[in-house]
């Protein structure tokens, strides 16, 4: 498996006082089922710095409607990062909720991971649209964008090499 040489794209689609929309897209040389399986193994590629306890191995996807992108905490507690609302193996995963500090702000959102088959490669698209109310939404958008871009890049490396790390 290898990345296609063509560049992907990432952009903050919109930002306003009501929320923001983020998009990332990249063509990869991996079968849709392989891409989908990698997406569901979130504890193997999500950056540990963006978990409550800094342990990516405590992250998991409960792949059923009403399941979640969750985290087990060492004190016996847990965190529901996002809720699974739709999945089509080999095609798409949809989650809803607010990530990280967005939860405490009462913000919600929709994260959608889509796999589009192509003739020579398959395209992975990741979108996160967050909504809510507050003066800091416009300030948060670039921070959330940075975290989401990092997660997307780590997922792509995991699909390509079996490891999310850059090797640097």
C-alpha atoms as a PDB file:
ATOM      1  CA  UNK A   1       0.000   0.000   0.000  1.00  0.00           C
ATOM      2  CA  UNK A   2       1.256   3.488  -0.815  1.00  0.00           C
ATOM      3  CA  UNK A   3      -0.043   7.001  -1.054  1.00  0.00           C
ATOM      4  CA  UNK A   4      -0.796   8.307  -4.526  1.00  0.00           C
ATOM      5  CA  UNK A   5       1.569  11.127  -5.460  1.00  0.00           C
ATOM      6  CA  UNK A   6      -1.286  13.518  -6.134  1.00  0.00           C
ATOM      7  CA  UNK A   7      -1.757  15.945  -3.266  1.00  0.00           C
ATOM      8  CA  UNK A   8      -4.750  15.708  -1.009  1.00  0.00           C
ATOM      9  CA  UNK A   9      -6.581  18.710   0.243  1.00  0.00           C
ATOM     10  CA  UNK A  10      -7.508  20.117   3.595  1.00  0.00           C
ATOM     11  CA  UNK A  11      -9.509  23.204   4.293  1.00  0.00           C
ATOM     12  CA  UNK A  12     -11.543  25.060   6.836  1.00  0.00           C
ATOM     13  CA  UNK A  13     -14.700  25.341   4.740  1.00  0.00           C
ATOM     14  CA  UNK A  14     -16.438  27.907   6.910  1.00  0.00           C
ATOM     15  CA  UNK A  15     -16.179  29.585  10.297  1.00  0.00           C
ATOM     16  CA  UNK A  16     -18.729  31.848  11.947  1.00  0.00           C
ATOM     17  CA  UNK A  17     -20.267  32.475  15.364  1.00  0.00           C
ATOM     18  CA  UNK A  18     -22.507  29.441  14.888  1.00  0.00           C
ATOM     19  CA  UNK A  19     -19.749  26.930  14.182  1.00  0.00           C
ATOM     20  CA  UNK A  20     -17.267  25.683  11.629  1.00  0.00           C
ATOM     21  CA  UNK A  21     -16.799  23.033   8.948  1.00  0.00           C
ATOM     22  CA  UNK A  22     -13.545  21.185   8.194  1.00  0.00           C
ATOM     23  CA  UNK A  23     -12.703  18.915   5.239  1.00  0.00           C
ATOM     24  CA  UNK A  24      -9.741  16.637   4.460  1.00  0.00           C
ATOM     25  CA  UNK A  25      -9.349  14.360   1.446  1.00  0.00           C
ATOM     26  CA  UNK A  26      -6.640  12.065   0.066  1.00  0.00           C
ATOM     27  CA  UNK A  27      -6.411   9.279  -2.515  1.00  0.00           C
ATOM     28  CA  UNK A  28      -4.790   6.064  -1.241  1.00  0.00           C
ATOM     29  CA  UNK A  29      -3.833   2.712  -2.739  1.00  0.00           C
ATOM     30  CA  UNK A  30      -5.723   0.469  -0.345  1.00  0.00           C
ATOM     31  CA  UNK A  31      -8.926  -1.496  -0.720  1.00  0.00           C
ATOM     32  CA  UNK A  32     -12.091   0.066   0.758  1.00  0.00           C
ATOM     33  CA  UNK A  33     -12.413  -2.784   3.282  1.00  0.00           C
ATOM     34  CA  UNK A  34      -8.807  -2.243   4.436  1.00  0.00           C
ATOM     35  CA  UNK A  35      -9.394   1.500   4.806  1.00  0.00           C
ATOM     36  CA  UNK A  36     -12.616   0.925   6.738  1.00  0.00           C
ATOM     37  CA  UNK A  37     -10.984  -1.630   9.051  1.00  0.00           C
ATOM     38  CA  UNK A  38      -8.162   0.832   9.784  1.00  0.00           C
ATOM     39  CA  UNK A  39     -10.685   3.563  10.606  1.00  0.00           C
ATOM     40  CA  UNK A  40     -12.340   1.341  13.217  1.00  0.00           C
ATOM     41  CA  UNK A  41      -9.022   0.610  14.992  1.00  0.00           C
ATOM     42  CA  UNK A  42      -8.856   4.170  16.326  1.00  0.00           C
ATOM     43  CA  UNK A  43      -6.687   3.295  19.329  1.00  0.00           C
ATOM     44  CA  UNK A  44      -3.915   2.288  16.941  1.00  0.00           C
ATOM     45  CA  UNK A  45      -3.673   5.614  15.083  1.00  0.00           C
ATOM     46  CA  UNK A  46      -5.262   8.464  17.103  1.00  0.00           C
ATOM     47  CA  UNK A  47      -2.614  10.662  18.727  1.00  0.00           C
ATOM     48  CA  UNK A  48      -2.347   9.907  22.457  1.00  0.00           C
ATOM     49  CA  UNK A  49      -1.959  13.623  23.236  1.00  0.00           C
ATOM     50  CA  UNK A  50      -5.588  14.043  22.195  1.00  0.00           C
ATOM     51  CA  UNK A  51      -6.990  11.570  24.699  1.00  0.00           C
ATOM     52  CA  UNK A  52      -7.926  12.321  28.300  1.00  0.00           C
ATOM     53  CA  UNK A  53      -5.063  10.318  29.803  1.00  0.00           C
ATOM     54  CA  UNK A  54      -2.517  10.412  27.000  1.00  0.00           C
ATOM     55  CA  UNK A  55      -3.018   6.715  26.189  1.00  0.00           C
ATOM     56  CA  UNK A  56      -4.235   5.965  22.672  1.00  0.00           C
ATOM     57  CA  UNK A  57      -4.484   2.278  23.568  1.00  0.00           C
ATOM     58  CA  UNK A  58      -7.469   3.159  25.796  1.00  0.00           C
ATOM     59  CA  UNK A  59      -9.428   4.459  22.776  1.00  0.00           C
ATOM     60  CA  UNK A  60     -11.847   2.206  20.921  1.00  0.00           C
ATOM     61  CA  UNK A  61     -14.773   2.185  18.505  1.00  0.00           C
ATOM     62  CA  UNK A  62     -17.913   0.312  19.537  1.00  0.00           C
ATOM     63  CA  UNK A  63     -19.137  -0.501  16.023  1.00  0.00           C
ATOM     64  CA  UNK A  64     -22.905  -0.621  16.472  1.00  0.00           C
ATOM     65  CA  UNK A  65     -25.611   2.022  16.146  1.00  0.00           C
ATOM     66  CA  UNK A  66     -25.502   3.947  19.418  1.00  0.00           C
ATOM     67  CA  UNK A  67     -21.949   2.727  19.990  1.00  0.00           C
ATOM     68  CA  UNK A  68     -19.150   5.204  20.370  1.00  0.00           C
ATOM     69  CA  UNK A  69     -15.638   6.412  19.859  1.00  0.00           C
ATOM     70  CA  UNK A  70     -14.858   5.969  23.554  1.00  0.00           C
ATOM     71  CA  UNK A  71     -11.998   5.974  26.017  1.00  0.00           C
ATOM     72  CA  UNK A  72     -11.463   3.818  29.095  1.00  0.00           C
ATOM     73  CA  UNK A  73     -10.039   5.775  32.026  1.00  0.00           C
ATOM     74  CA  UNK A  74      -7.623   4.313  34.583  1.00  0.00           C
ATOM     75  CA  UNK A  75      -9.928   5.262  37.477  1.00  0.00           C
ATOM     76  CA  UNK A  76     -12.635   2.944  36.115  1.00  0.00           C
ATOM     77  CA  UNK A  77     -14.469   5.781  34.369  1.00  0.00           C
ATOM     78  CA  UNK A  78     -14.791   6.514  30.707  1.00  0.00           C
ATOM     79  CA  UNK A  79     -15.392   9.135  28.045  1.00  0.00           C
ATOM     80  CA  UNK A  80     -17.731   9.090  25.074  1.00  0.00           C
ATOM     81  CA  UNK A  81     -15.906  11.259  22.551  1.00  0.00           C
ATOM     82  CA  UNK A  82     -18.448  10.749  19.742  1.00  0.00           C
ATOM     83  CA  UNK A  83     -21.519   8.560  19.170  1.00  0.00           C
ATOM     84  CA  UNK A  84     -21.833   6.201  16.191  1.00  0.00           C
ATOM     85  CA  UNK A  85     -24.999   7.013  14.235  1.00  0.00           C
ATOM     86  CA  UNK A  86     -24.344   5.358  10.851  1.00  0.00           C
ATOM     87  CA  UNK A  87     -21.913   2.879   9.381  1.00  0.00           C
ATOM     88  CA  UNK A  88     -21.660   1.066   6.067  1.00  0.00           C
ATOM     89  CA  UNK A  89     -18.654  -1.289   6.022  1.00  0.00           C
ATOM     90  CA  UNK A  90     -16.172  -0.351   3.329  1.00  0.00           C
ATOM     91  CA  UNK A  91     -17.994   2.921   2.647  1.00  0.00           C
ATOM     92  CA  UNK A  92     -18.714   5.304   5.524  1.00  0.00           C
ATOM     93  CA  UNK A  93     -18.718   5.966   9.268  1.00  0.00           C
ATOM     94  CA  UNK A  94     -20.754   8.820  10.803  1.00  0.00           C
ATOM     95  CA  UNK A  95     -20.334  10.030  14.376  1.00  0.00           C
ATOM     96  CA  UNK A  96     -21.946  12.882  16.295  1.00  0.00           C
ATOM     97  CA  UNK A  97     -20.897  14.919  19.312  1.00  0.00           C
ATOM     98  CA  UNK A  98     -18.371  17.441  20.516  1.00  0.00           C
ATOM     99  CA  UNK A  99     -14.703  16.543  20.808  1.00  0.00           C
ATOM    100  CA  UNK A 100     -12.508  17.541  23.730  1.00  0.00           C
ATOM    101  CA  UNK A 101     -13.282  21.009  25.082  1.00  0.00           C
ATOM    102  CA  UNK A 102     -16.259  21.332  22.719  1.00  0.00           C
ATOM    103  CA  UNK A 103     -18.216  18.917  24.966  1.00  0.00           C
ATOM    104  CA  UNK A 104     -18.001  21.233  27.953  1.00  0.00           C
ATOM    105  CA  UNK A 105     -19.054  24.176  25.812  1.00  0.00           C
ATOM    106  CA  UNK A 106     -22.271  22.448  24.787  1.00  0.00           C
ATOM    107  CA  UNK A 107     -21.142  22.237  21.166  1.00  0.00           C
ATOM    108  CA  UNK A 108     -22.241  19.402  18.943  1.00  0.00           C
ATOM    109  CA  UNK A 109     -21.023  18.202  15.626  1.00  0.00           C
ATOM    110  CA  UNK A 110     -20.956  15.559  12.931  1.00  0.00           C
ATOM    111  CA  UNK A 111     -17.817  13.716  11.888  1.00  0.00           C
ATOM    112  CA  UNK A 112     -18.098  11.757   8.641  1.00  0.00           C
ATOM    113  CA  UNK A 113     -15.452   9.433   7.206  1.00  0.00           C
ATOM    114  CA  UNK A 114     -16.199   8.411   3.627  1.00  0.00           C
ATOM    115  CA  UNK A 115     -14.427   5.997   1.281  1.00  0.00           C
ATOM    116  CA  UNK A 116     -15.037   6.614  -2.426  1.00  0.00           C
ATOM    117  CA  UNK A 117     -13.819   3.914  -4.822  1.00  0.00           C
ATOM    118  CA  UNK A 118     -11.854   4.999  -7.862  1.00  0.00           C
ATOM    119  CA  UNK A 119     -10.297   3.229 -10.815  1.00  0.00           C
ATOM    120  CA  UNK A 120      -6.683   3.469  -9.652  1.00  0.00           C
ATOM    121  CA  UNK A 121      -7.081   4.433  -5.995  1.00  0.00           C
ATOM    122  CA  UNK A 122      -9.716   5.072  -3.369  1.00  0.00           C
ATOM    123  CA  UNK A 123     -10.404   8.435  -1.786  1.00  0.00           C
ATOM    124  CA  UNK A 124     -10.662   8.925   1.965  1.00  0.00           C
ATOM    125  CA  UNK A 125     -12.657  11.991   2.975  1.00  0.00           C
ATOM    126  CA  UNK A 126     -12.958  13.231   6.561  1.00  0.00           C
ATOM    127  CA  UNK A 127     -15.315  16.059   7.519  1.00  0.00           C
ATOM    128  CA  UNK A 128     -16.121  17.567  10.896  1.00  0.00           C
ATOM    129  CA  UNK A 129     -18.865  20.151  11.207  1.00  0.00           C
ATOM    130  CA  UNK A 130     -19.325  21.655  14.672  1.00  0.00           C
ATOM    131  CA  UNK A 131     -22.092  23.955  15.840  1.00  0.00           C
ATOM    132  CA  UNK A 132     -22.939  25.805  19.004  1.00  0.00           C
ATOM    133  CA  UNK A 133     -22.962  29.211  20.569  1.00  0.00           C
ATOM    134  CA  UNK A 134     -20.130  31.197  22.035  1.00  0.00           C
ATOM    135  CA  UNK A 135     -17.627  33.936  21.426  1.00  0.00           C
ATOM    136  CA  UNK A 136     -14.696  31.530  21.189  1.00  0.00           C
ATOM    137  CA  UNK A 137     -15.979  29.385  18.298  1.00  0.00           C
ATOM    138  CA  UNK A 138     -14.066  31.355  15.686  1.00  0.00           C
ATOM    139  CA  UNK A 139     -10.908  31.094  17.815  1.00  0.00           C
ATOM    140  CA  UNK A 140     -11.352  27.344  18.321  1.00  0.00           C
ATOM    141  CA  UNK A 141     -11.738  26.477  14.624  1.00  0.00           C
ATOM    142  CA  UNK A 142      -8.013  26.614  13.748  1.00  0.00           C
ATOM    143  CA  UNK A 143      -7.127  24.617  16.879  1.00  0.00           C
ATOM    144  CA  UNK A 144      -9.671  21.899  16.088  1.00  0.00           C
ATOM    145  CA  UNK A 145      -8.509  21.986  12.457  1.00  0.00           C
ATOM    146  CA  UNK A 146      -4.929  21.314  13.566  1.00  0.00           C
ATOM    147  CA  UNK A 147      -5.987  18.338  15.717  1.00  0.00           C
ATOM    148  CA  UNK A 148      -8.230  16.920  12.991  1.00  0.00           C
ATOM    149  CA  UNK A 149      -5.546  17.366  10.312  1.00  0.00           C
ATOM    150  CA  UNK A 150      -3.094  15.515  12.541  1.00  0.00           C
ATOM    151  CA  UNK A 151      -5.593  12.688  13.102  1.00  0.00           C
ATOM    152  CA  UNK A 152      -6.314  12.435   9.370  1.00  0.00           C
ATOM    153  CA  UNK A 153      -2.593  12.324   8.544  1.00  0.00           C
ATOM    154  CA  UNK A 154      -2.010   9.639  11.188  1.00  0.00           C
ATOM    155  CA  UNK A 155      -4.893   7.568   9.811  1.00  0.00           C
ATOM    156  CA  UNK A 156      -3.428   7.791   6.295  1.00  0.00           C
ATOM    157  CA  UNK A 157       0.039   6.748   7.521  1.00  0.00           C
ATOM    158  CA  UNK A 158      -1.547   3.869   9.447  1.00  0.00           C
ATOM    159  CA  UNK A 159      -3.356   2.722   6.291  1.00  0.00           C
ATOM    160  CA  UNK A 160      -0.121   3.033   4.280  1.00  0.00           C
ATOM    161  CA  UNK A 161       2.442   1.572   6.671  1.00  0.00           C
ATOM    162  CA  UNK A 162       0.625  -0.013   9.609  1.00  0.00           C
ATOM    163  CA  UNK A 163       1.991   2.740  11.885  1.00  0.00           C
ATOM    164  CA  UNK A 164       0.688   6.287  12.403  1.00  0.00           C
ATOM    165  CA  UNK A 165       4.148   7.603  13.255  1.00  0.00           C
ATOM    166  CA  UNK A 166       6.202   9.649  10.792  1.00  0.00           C
ATOM    167  CA  UNK A 167       9.437   7.828  11.535  1.00  0.00           C
ATOM    168  CA  UNK A 168      11.202  11.113  12.308  1.00  0.00           C
END
